[in-house]
Amino acid sequence: MTDAKLDDAAIETTMLRLVAERGADKTVCPSEVARALGGPHPDGWGPLMQPVRRTAVRLAHAGRIAILRKGKPVDPDDFRGIYRLSLPAAGVTSEAPFGSGPGSQSGV
């Protein structure tokens, strides 16, 4: 897959499929998404990790997935390190629980 649009669509489709297959209260490692597309060798899936992250952030903003760190949802615009992907919690939208207003606690 060399077409960037095809890659974005394939990443999104694969990510949503894996999260849905895993089910509620279960998570998917972003590398699982990359490996599903790039194969088992790091030369194939490694370069996909940043596009996977960008897709995860976009889908989290849309409320289609949740990004978790240490088992808790994080602000898609303000997270670092190891993270997992899951189905969004019932009732959580892209505006909650992470506000971007003056009361938000980024960097905590």
N, C-alpha and C. Protein backbone atom coordinates (compact mmCIF):
# COMPACT_ATOMS: atom_id res chain seq x y z
N MET A 1 0.84 -1.18 0.00
CA MET A 1 0.00 0.00 0.00
C MET A 1 0.88 1.24 0.00
N THR A 2 0.92 1.95 -1.08
CA THR A 2 1.75 3.14 -1.14
C THR A 2 0.92 4.41 -1.15
N ASP A 3 -0.33 4.34 -1.48
CA ASP A 3 -1.21 5.50 -1.51
C ASP A 3 -1.58 5.89 -0.08
N ALA A 4 -1.29 7.16 0.30
CA ALA A 4 -1.54 7.62 1.67
C ALA A 4 -3.01 7.53 2.03
N LYS A 5 -3.90 7.85 1.10
CA LYS A 5 -5.33 7.77 1.38
C LYS A 5 -5.75 6.32 1.62
N LEU A 6 -5.22 5.41 0.82
CA LEU A 6 -5.52 4.00 1.01
C LEU A 6 -5.01 3.55 2.38
N ASP A 7 -3.82 4.01 2.76
CA ASP A 7 -3.27 3.66 4.07
C ASP A 7 -4.17 4.16 5.20
N ASP A 8 -4.60 5.42 5.12
CA ASP A 8 -5.48 5.99 6.15
C ASP A 8 -6.78 5.20 6.25
N ALA A 9 -7.36 4.88 5.11
CA ALA A 9 -8.62 4.12 5.11
C ALA A 9 -8.40 2.72 5.65
N ALA A 10 -7.30 2.10 5.26
CA ALA A 10 -7.01 0.74 5.73
C ALA A 10 -6.73 0.73 7.23
N ILE A 11 -6.02 1.74 7.72
CA ILE A 11 -5.74 1.83 9.15
C ILE A 11 -7.04 2.01 9.92
N GLU A 12 -7.88 2.92 9.46
CA GLU A 12 -9.16 3.16 10.14
C GLU A 12 -10.02 1.90 10.16
N THR A 13 -10.16 1.26 9.02
CA THR A 13 -10.98 0.06 8.93
C THR A 13 -10.44 -1.05 9.84
N THR A 14 -9.14 -1.25 9.80
CA THR A 14 -8.52 -2.29 10.61
C THR A 14 -8.65 -1.97 12.10
N MET A 15 -8.42 -0.73 12.47
CA MET A 15 -8.52 -0.33 13.87
C MET A 15 -9.93 -0.54 14.41
N LEU A 16 -10.92 -0.08 13.67
CA LEU A 16 -12.30 -0.22 14.11
C LEU A 16 -12.71 -1.70 14.18
N ARG A 17 -12.24 -2.49 13.23
CA ARG A 17 -12.55 -3.92 13.23
C ARG A 17 -11.95 -4.61 14.44
N LEU A 18 -10.68 -4.36 14.71
CA LEU A 18 -10.01 -5.01 15.83
C LEU A 18 -10.62 -4.62 17.18
N VAL A 19 -10.94 -3.36 17.34
CA VAL A 19 -11.55 -2.89 18.59
C VAL A 19 -12.93 -3.52 18.76
N ALA A 20 -13.70 -3.57 17.69
CA ALA A 20 -15.04 -4.17 17.76
C ALA A 20 -14.96 -5.67 18.04
N GLU A 21 -14.02 -6.35 17.39
CA GLU A 21 -13.86 -7.79 17.62
C GLU A 21 -13.44 -8.07 19.06
N ARG A 22 -12.62 -7.21 19.62
CA ARG A 22 -12.15 -7.41 20.99
C ARG A 22 -13.30 -7.22 21.98
N GLY A 23 -14.19 -6.29 21.68
CA GLY A 23 -15.39 -6.12 22.50
C GLY A 23 -15.23 -5.12 23.64
N ALA A 24 -16.34 -4.92 24.35
CA ALA A 24 -16.39 -3.98 25.46
C ALA A 24 -15.43 -4.41 26.57
N ASP A 25 -14.86 -3.43 27.22
CA ASP A 25 -13.97 -3.65 28.36
C ASP A 25 -12.69 -4.40 28.01
N LYS A 26 -12.36 -4.49 26.73
CA LYS A 26 -11.11 -5.09 26.29
C LYS A 26 -10.37 -4.05 25.44
N THR A 27 -9.06 -4.20 25.34
CA THR A 27 -8.28 -3.22 24.59
C THR A 27 -7.44 -3.88 23.50
N VAL A 28 -6.98 -3.04 22.60
CA VAL A 28 -6.12 -3.45 21.50
C VAL A 28 -4.86 -2.60 21.57
N CYS A 29 -3.72 -3.22 21.37
CA CYS A 29 -2.47 -2.49 21.29
C CYS A 29 -2.37 -1.86 19.90
N PRO A 30 -1.91 -0.61 19.81
CA PRO A 30 -1.75 -0.01 18.48
C PRO A 30 -0.86 -0.82 17.56
N SER A 31 0.10 -1.54 18.12
CA SER A 31 0.98 -2.35 17.27
C SER A 31 0.21 -3.51 16.63
N GLU A 32 -0.89 -3.94 17.25
CA GLU A 32 -1.71 -4.99 16.64
C GLU A 32 -2.31 -4.48 15.33
N VAL A 33 -2.72 -3.22 15.33
CA VAL A 33 -3.27 -2.60 14.12
C VAL A 33 -2.18 -2.55 13.05
N ALA A 34 -1.00 -2.05 13.45
CA ALA A 34 0.12 -1.95 12.50
C ALA A 34 0.54 -3.31 11.97
N ARG A 35 0.58 -4.32 12.84
CA ARG A 35 0.98 -5.67 12.41
C ARG A 35 -0.06 -6.29 11.48
N ALA A 36 -1.33 -5.99 11.72
CA ALA A 36 -2.38 -6.53 10.84
C ALA A 36 -2.22 -5.99 9.42
N LEU A 37 -1.66 -4.81 9.28
CA LEU A 37 -1.47 -4.20 7.96
C LEU A 37 -0.08 -4.43 7.38
N GLY A 38 0.94 -4.40 8.24
CA GLY A 38 2.31 -4.44 7.76
C GLY A 38 2.99 -5.78 7.89
N GLY A 39 2.32 -6.74 8.53
CA GLY A 39 2.92 -8.06 8.69
C GLY A 39 3.73 -8.15 9.98
N PRO A 40 4.29 -9.34 10.24
CA PRO A 40 4.94 -9.58 11.52
C PRO A 40 6.34 -8.97 11.68
N HIS A 41 6.99 -8.62 10.58
CA HIS A 41 8.35 -8.09 10.67
C HIS A 41 8.31 -6.59 11.00
N PRO A 42 9.16 -6.13 11.92
CA PRO A 42 9.18 -4.72 12.30
C PRO A 42 9.38 -3.75 11.13
N ASP A 43 10.08 -4.20 10.08
CA ASP A 43 10.26 -3.33 8.92
C ASP A 43 8.93 -3.05 8.22
N GLY A 44 7.98 -3.95 8.37
CA GLY A 44 6.66 -3.75 7.76
C GLY A 44 5.72 -2.96 8.62
N TRP A 45 5.66 -3.29 9.93
CA TRP A 45 4.69 -2.62 10.79
C TRP A 45 5.24 -1.40 11.51
N GLY A 46 6.53 -1.32 11.73
CA GLY A 46 7.12 -0.19 12.46
C GLY A 46 6.79 1.17 11.87
N PRO A 47 6.96 1.34 10.57
CA PRO A 47 6.65 2.64 9.97
C PRO A 47 5.17 3.03 10.06
N LEU A 48 4.31 2.09 10.39
CA LEU A 48 2.88 2.39 10.48
C LEU A 48 2.46 2.92 11.85
N MET A 49 3.36 2.90 12.83
CA MET A 49 2.96 3.28 14.19
C MET A 49 2.52 4.74 14.29
N GLN A 50 3.20 5.66 13.64
CA GLN A 50 2.76 7.06 13.70
C GLN A 50 1.44 7.28 12.96
N PRO A 51 1.27 6.71 11.75
CA PRO A 51 -0.05 6.82 11.12
C PRO A 51 -1.17 6.18 11.95
N VAL A 52 -0.87 5.08 12.65
CA VAL A 52 -1.87 4.46 13.53
C VAL A 52 -2.24 5.43 14.65
N ARG A 53 -1.25 6.07 15.23
CA ARG A 53 -1.52 7.03 16.31
C ARG A 53 -2.37 8.19 15.81
N ARG A 54 -2.03 8.74 14.65
CA ARG A 54 -2.82 9.85 14.10
C ARG A 54 -4.27 9.43 13.85
N THR A 55 -4.45 8.23 13.33
CA THR A 55 -5.79 7.71 13.09
C THR A 55 -6.54 7.52 14.40
N ALA A 56 -5.85 7.02 15.42
CA ALA A 56 -6.48 6.83 16.73
C ALA A 56 -6.95 8.17 17.31
N VAL A 57 -6.12 9.19 17.19
CA VAL A 57 -6.50 10.51 17.70
C VAL A 57 -7.73 11.02 16.96
N ARG A 58 -7.74 10.89 15.64
CA ARG A 58 -8.88 11.36 14.85
C ARG A 58 -10.15 10.61 15.23
N LEU A 59 -10.07 9.29 15.36
CA LEU A 59 -11.25 8.50 15.71
C LEU A 59 -11.70 8.75 17.16
N ALA A 60 -10.76 9.04 18.04
CA ALA A 60 -11.13 9.38 19.43
C ALA A 60 -11.89 10.71 19.45
N HIS A 61 -11.45 11.67 18.66
CA HIS A 61 -12.17 12.95 18.58
C HIS A 61 -13.58 12.75 18.04
N ALA A 62 -13.74 11.81 17.15
CA ALA A 62 -15.06 11.53 16.57
C ALA A 62 -15.92 10.67 17.50
N GLY A 63 -15.34 10.21 18.61
CA GLY A 63 -16.08 9.38 19.55
C GLY A 63 -16.24 7.93 19.13
N ARG A 64 -15.42 7.49 18.18
CA ARG A 64 -15.56 6.12 17.66
C ARG A 64 -14.69 5.12 18.39
N ILE A 65 -13.62 5.60 19.04
CA ILE A 65 -12.78 4.74 19.87
C ILE A 65 -12.38 5.55 21.10
N ALA A 66 -11.79 4.88 22.07
CA ALA A 66 -11.20 5.55 23.23
C ALA A 66 -9.71 5.21 23.25
N ILE A 67 -8.92 6.19 23.67
CA ILE A 67 -7.49 5.97 23.87
C ILE A 67 -7.29 5.88 25.38
N LEU A 68 -6.66 4.79 25.81
CA LEU A 68 -6.46 4.54 27.23
C LEU A 68 -4.99 4.50 27.58
N ARG A 69 -4.69 5.00 28.75
CA ARG A 69 -3.35 4.89 29.31
C ARG A 69 -3.53 4.45 30.75
N LYS A 70 -2.88 3.38 31.12
CA LYS A 70 -3.03 2.79 32.45
C LYS A 70 -4.49 2.50 32.76
N GLY A 71 -5.24 2.09 31.72
CA GLY A 71 -6.63 1.69 31.88
C GLY A 71 -7.63 2.82 31.96
N LYS A 72 -7.18 4.05 31.83
CA LYS A 72 -8.07 5.20 31.94
C LYS A 72 -8.06 6.01 30.65
N PRO A 73 -9.22 6.55 30.25
CA PRO A 73 -9.27 7.37 29.04
C PRO A 73 -8.38 8.61 29.18
N VAL A 74 -7.75 8.97 28.09
CA VAL A 74 -6.88 10.15 28.07
C VAL A 74 -7.39 11.14 27.03
N ASP A 75 -6.92 12.36 27.17
CA ASP A 75 -7.20 13.41 26.20
C ASP A 75 -6.45 13.06 24.92
N PRO A 76 -7.15 12.91 23.80
CA PRO A 76 -6.47 12.53 22.54
C PRO A 76 -5.39 13.53 22.12
N ASP A 77 -5.49 14.78 22.59
CA ASP A 77 -4.51 15.79 22.21
C ASP A 77 -3.36 15.91 23.20
N ASP A 78 -3.41 15.13 24.29
CA ASP A 78 -2.41 15.32 25.33
C ASP A 78 -2.11 14.00 26.05
N PHE A 79 -1.48 13.07 25.34
CA PHE A 79 -1.07 11.82 25.97
C PHE A 79 0.29 11.43 25.43
N ARG A 80 1.03 10.72 26.26
CA ARG A 80 2.37 10.28 25.88
C ARG A 80 2.55 8.82 26.26
N GLY A 81 3.52 8.21 25.66
CA GLY A 81 3.91 6.87 26.06
C GLY A 81 3.01 5.78 25.54
N ILE A 82 3.00 4.69 26.29
CA ILE A 82 2.26 3.50 25.90
C ILE A 82 0.77 3.75 26.07
N TYR A 83 0.01 3.34 25.07
CA TYR A 83 -1.44 3.52 25.12
C TYR A 83 -2.13 2.32 24.51
N ARG A 84 -3.41 2.20 24.78
CA ARG A 84 -4.24 1.11 24.25
C ARG A 84 -5.48 1.73 23.63
N LEU A 85 -6.17 0.95 22.81
CA LEU A 85 -7.37 1.39 22.12
C LEU A 85 -8.54 0.53 22.55
N SER A 86 -9.71 1.14 22.68
CA SER A 86 -10.90 0.38 23.05
C SER A 86 -12.13 1.02 22.45
N LEU A 87 -13.24 0.31 22.61
CA LEU A 87 -14.52 0.92 22.28
C LEU A 87 -14.75 2.06 23.25
N PRO A 88 -15.42 3.12 22.81
CA PRO A 88 -15.69 4.22 23.75
C PRO A 88 -16.66 3.77 24.84
N ALA A 89 -16.49 4.31 26.03
CA ALA A 89 -17.41 4.00 27.13
C ALA A 89 -18.78 4.57 26.80
N ALA A 90 -19.81 3.91 27.24
CA ALA A 90 -21.18 4.38 27.00
C ALA A 90 -21.34 5.79 27.55
N GLY A 91 -21.88 6.66 26.73
CA GLY A 91 -22.15 8.02 27.16
C GLY A 91 -20.97 8.97 27.05
N VAL A 92 -19.79 8.49 26.67
CA VAL A 92 -18.63 9.37 26.53
C VAL A 92 -18.56 9.85 25.09
N THR A 93 -18.48 11.16 24.93
CA THR A 93 -18.35 11.74 23.60
C THR A 93 -16.97 12.35 23.47
N SER A 94 -16.68 12.94 22.31
CA SER A 94 -15.37 13.53 22.11
C SER A 94 -15.18 14.76 23.01
N GLU A 95 -16.25 15.34 23.52
CA GLU A 95 -16.12 16.50 24.42
C GLU A 95 -15.90 16.06 25.86
N ALA A 96 -16.26 14.86 26.21
CA ALA A 96 -16.13 14.43 27.60
C ALA A 96 -15.33 13.14 27.65
N PRO A 97 -14.55 12.93 28.65
CA PRO A 97 -14.36 13.74 29.83
C PRO A 97 -13.25 14.76 29.69
N PHE A 98 -12.81 15.08 28.49
CA PHE A 98 -11.67 15.96 28.30
C PHE A 98 -12.11 17.28 27.72
N GLY A 99 -12.21 18.31 28.51
CA GLY A 99 -12.52 19.63 28.00
C GLY A 99 -11.25 20.30 27.56
N SER A 100 -11.35 21.26 26.67
CA SER A 100 -10.17 21.99 26.27
C SER A 100 -10.22 23.42 26.78
N GLY A 101 -11.19 23.69 27.63
CA GLY A 101 -11.36 25.02 28.17
C GLY A 101 -10.44 25.28 29.34
N PRO A 102 -10.67 26.41 30.02
CA PRO A 102 -9.78 26.81 31.12
C PRO A 102 -9.79 25.83 32.28
N GLY A 103 -10.82 25.02 32.45
CA GLY A 103 -10.89 24.10 33.56
C GLY A 103 -10.24 22.77 33.29
N SER A 104 -9.75 22.55 32.06
CA SER A 104 -9.16 21.25 31.74
C SER A 104 -7.82 21.10 32.44
N GLN A 105 -7.43 19.84 32.69
CA GLN A 105 -6.20 19.58 33.40
C GLN A 105 -5.24 18.84 32.50
N SER A 106 -4.65 19.52 31.57
CA SER A 106 -3.70 18.86 30.69
C SER A 106 -2.35 18.76 31.37
N GLY A 107 -1.62 17.73 31.02
CA GLY A 107 -0.31 17.54 31.60
C GLY A 107 -0.31 16.93 32.98
N VAL A 108 -1.46 16.39 33.40
CA VAL A 108 -1.54 15.80 34.73
C VAL A 108 -1.03 14.39 34.69
